[in-house]
């Protein structure tokens, strides 16, 4: 049985321009939130909002260092996202339509 709530968190992480820009920045490695703020030109509260969604999805992980947090792409979280997309887009070979279908 799939955890559809966890699956939805992954897709939510990918459905915003700012979050996609953040992920693009993190592709080259871990970044301090101060660097992300500078590159994206958004407020601290807006960055915090987006980072919470990204971290809740499991695709991004954060670690505190002093007053700043450093973020990076989680290998396990990105693997989960890849597998999820594969599962949901793979053709289903189960030809049954269920009880009461009429076929």
C-alpha atoms as a PDB file:
ATOM      1  CA  UNK A   1       0.000   0.000   0.000  1.00  0.00           C
ATOM      2  CA  UNK A   2       1.469   3.359  -1.066  1.00  0.00           C
ATOM      3  CA  UNK A   3       1.787   6.272   1.320  1.00  0.00           C
ATOM      4  CA  UNK A   4      -0.039   8.756  -0.883  1.00  0.00           C
ATOM      5  CA  UNK A   5       0.483  11.596   1.610  1.00  0.00           C
ATOM      6  CA  UNK A   6       4.272  11.143   1.354  1.00  0.00           C
ATOM      7  CA  UNK A   7       3.984  10.916  -2.424  1.00  0.00           C
ATOM      8  CA  UNK A   8       2.008  14.170  -2.543  1.00  0.00           C
ATOM      9  CA  UNK A   9       4.712  15.938  -0.496  1.00  0.00           C
ATOM     10  CA  UNK A  10       7.259  14.997  -3.161  1.00  0.00           C
ATOM     11  CA  UNK A  11       5.149  16.429  -5.972  1.00  0.00           C
ATOM     12  CA  UNK A  12       4.377  19.547  -3.921  1.00  0.00           C
ATOM     13  CA  UNK A  13       8.121  20.121  -3.637  1.00  0.00           C
ATOM     14  CA  UNK A  14       8.420  20.253  -7.425  1.00  0.00           C
ATOM     15  CA  UNK A  15       5.400  22.423  -8.238  1.00  0.00           C
ATOM     16  CA  UNK A  16       6.721  25.916  -7.510  1.00  0.00           C
ATOM     17  CA  UNK A  17       9.100  28.126  -9.487  1.00  0.00           C
ATOM     18  CA  UNK A  18      11.082  29.182  -6.392  1.00  0.00           C
ATOM     19  CA  UNK A  19      11.510  25.583  -5.223  1.00  0.00           C
ATOM     20  CA  UNK A  20      12.666  24.500  -8.680  1.00  0.00           C
ATOM     21  CA  UNK A  21      15.205  27.347  -8.656  1.00  0.00           C
ATOM     22  CA  UNK A  22      16.390  26.247  -5.207  1.00  0.00           C
ATOM     23  CA  UNK A  23      16.796  22.655  -6.409  1.00  0.00           C
ATOM     24  CA  UNK A  24      18.740  23.932  -9.420  1.00  0.00           C
ATOM     25  CA  UNK A  25      21.099  25.771  -7.067  1.00  0.00           C
ATOM     26  CA  UNK A  26      21.550  22.671  -4.909  1.00  0.00           C
ATOM     27  CA  UNK A  27      22.497  20.474  -7.878  1.00  0.00           C
ATOM     28  CA  UNK A  28      26.093  21.718  -7.615  1.00  0.00           C
ATOM     29  CA  UNK A  29      26.278  20.830  -3.920  1.00  0.00           C
ATOM     30  CA  UNK A  30      25.291  21.960  -0.473  1.00  0.00           C
ATOM     31  CA  UNK A  31      24.486  25.650  -0.088  1.00  0.00           C
ATOM     32  CA  UNK A  32      24.128  27.936   2.887  1.00  0.00           C
ATOM     33  CA  UNK A  33      20.737  29.595   3.174  1.00  0.00           C
ATOM     34  CA  UNK A  34      22.512  32.955   2.919  1.00  0.00           C
ATOM     35  CA  UNK A  35      23.756  31.992  -0.574  1.00  0.00           C
ATOM     36  CA  UNK A  36      20.286  30.856  -1.618  1.00  0.00           C
ATOM     37  CA  UNK A  37      18.817  34.124  -0.366  1.00  0.00           C
ATOM     38  CA  UNK A  38      21.337  36.150  -2.344  1.00  0.00           C
ATOM     39  CA  UNK A  39      20.848  34.225  -5.594  1.00  0.00           C
ATOM     40  CA  UNK A  40      17.038  34.047  -5.466  1.00  0.00           C
ATOM     41  CA  UNK A  41      16.397  37.539  -4.111  1.00  0.00           C
ATOM     42  CA  UNK A  42      13.565  36.430  -1.831  1.00  0.00           C
ATOM     43  CA  UNK A  43      12.957  37.190   1.831  1.00  0.00           C
ATOM     44  CA  UNK A  44      14.203  34.999   4.676  1.00  0.00           C
ATOM     45  CA  UNK A  45      10.635  34.046   5.576  1.00  0.00           C
ATOM     46  CA  UNK A  46       9.869  33.064   1.976  1.00  0.00           C
ATOM     47  CA  UNK A  47      13.018  30.938   1.815  1.00  0.00           C
ATOM     48  CA  UNK A  48      12.119  29.280   5.124  1.00  0.00           C
ATOM     49  CA  UNK A  49       8.655  28.452   3.802  1.00  0.00           C
ATOM     50  CA  UNK A  50      10.051  26.840   0.654  1.00  0.00           C
ATOM     51  CA  UNK A  51      12.821  24.996   2.496  1.00  0.00           C
ATOM     52  CA  UNK A  52      10.289  23.490   4.894  1.00  0.00           C
ATOM     53  CA  UNK A  53       8.318  22.084   1.964  1.00  0.00           C
ATOM     54  CA  UNK A  54      11.487  20.763   0.290  1.00  0.00           C
ATOM     55  CA  UNK A  55      12.719  19.173   3.525  1.00  0.00           C
ATOM     56  CA  UNK A  56       9.291  17.726   4.364  1.00  0.00           C
ATOM     57  CA  UNK A  57       9.334  16.017   0.963  1.00  0.00           C
ATOM     58  CA  UNK A  58      12.616  14.309   1.832  1.00  0.00           C
ATOM     59  CA  UNK A  59      14.262  15.565  -1.364  1.00  0.00           C
ATOM     60  CA  UNK A  60      16.332  18.148   0.547  1.00  0.00           C
ATOM     61  CA  UNK A  61      18.079  17.888   3.902  1.00  0.00           C
ATOM     62  CA  UNK A  62      19.302  20.712   6.092  1.00  0.00           C
ATOM     63  CA  UNK A  63      21.940  20.968   8.783  1.00  0.00           C
ATOM     64  CA  UNK A  64      22.419  23.847  11.156  1.00  0.00           C
ATOM     65  CA  UNK A  65      25.796  25.521  11.368  1.00  0.00           C
ATOM     66  CA  UNK A  66      25.842  28.543  13.621  1.00  0.00           C
ATOM     67  CA  UNK A  67      23.015  30.905  12.745  1.00  0.00           C
ATOM     68  CA  UNK A  68      22.719  29.552   9.187  1.00  0.00           C
ATOM     69  CA  UNK A  69      21.376  26.325   7.774  1.00  0.00           C
ATOM     70  CA  UNK A  70      23.117  24.490   4.965  1.00  0.00           C
ATOM     71  CA  UNK A  71      20.928  22.583   2.519  1.00  0.00           C
ATOM     72  CA  UNK A  72      21.648  19.795   0.098  1.00  0.00           C
ATOM     73  CA  UNK A  73      19.840  17.302  -2.066  1.00  0.00           C
ATOM     74  CA  UNK A  74      19.178  14.019  -0.269  1.00  0.00           C
ATOM     75  CA  UNK A  75      20.263  11.017  -2.325  1.00  0.00           C
ATOM     76  CA  UNK A  76      17.631   8.835  -0.650  1.00  0.00           C
ATOM     77  CA  UNK A  77      14.917  11.458  -1.167  1.00  0.00           C
ATOM     78  CA  UNK A  78      15.784  12.016  -4.808  1.00  0.00           C
ATOM     79  CA  UNK A  79      15.854   8.248  -5.399  1.00  0.00           C
ATOM     80  CA  UNK A  80      12.376   8.009  -3.824  1.00  0.00           C
ATOM     81  CA  UNK A  81      11.141  10.777  -6.167  1.00  0.00           C
ATOM     82  CA  UNK A  82      12.602   9.030  -9.237  1.00  0.00           C
ATOM     83  CA  UNK A  83      11.035   5.712  -8.253  1.00  0.00           C
ATOM     84  CA  UNK A  84       7.698   7.374  -7.518  1.00  0.00           C
ATOM     85  CA  UNK A  85       7.583   8.973 -10.947  1.00  0.00           C
ATOM     86  CA  UNK A  86       8.526   5.658 -12.555  1.00  0.00           C
ATOM     87  CA  UNK A  87       5.801   3.792 -10.648  1.00  0.00           C
ATOM     88  CA  UNK A  88       3.104   6.342 -11.441  1.00  0.00           C
ATOM     89  CA  UNK A  89       3.939   6.605 -15.139  1.00  0.00           C
ATOM     90  CA  UNK A  90       4.584   2.933 -15.850  1.00  0.00           C
ATOM     91  CA  UNK A  91       1.829   1.266 -17.842  1.00  0.00           C
ATOM     92  CA  UNK A  92      -0.361  -0.869 -15.615  1.00  0.00           C
ATOM     93  CA  UNK A  93      -0.711  -4.364 -17.073  1.00  0.00           C
ATOM     94  CA  UNK A  94      -3.579  -5.269 -14.729  1.00  0.00           C
ATOM     95  CA  UNK A  95      -6.475  -5.464 -17.186  1.00  0.00           C
ATOM     96  CA  UNK A  96      -9.233  -5.946 -14.623  1.00  0.00           C
ATOM     97  CA  UNK A  97     -11.596  -3.057 -14.052  1.00  0.00           C
ATOM     98  CA  UNK A  98     -12.881  -4.104 -10.652  1.00  0.00           C
ATOM     99  CA  UNK A  99     -16.139  -5.296  -9.202  1.00  0.00           C
ATOM    100  CA  UNK A 100     -19.281  -4.067 -10.944  1.00  0.00           C
ATOM    101  CA  UNK A 101     -17.409  -2.928 -14.038  1.00  0.00           C
ATOM    102  CA  UNK A 102     -19.605  -4.757 -16.516  1.00  0.00           C
ATOM    103  CA  UNK A 103     -16.791  -5.965 -18.776  1.00  0.00           C
END
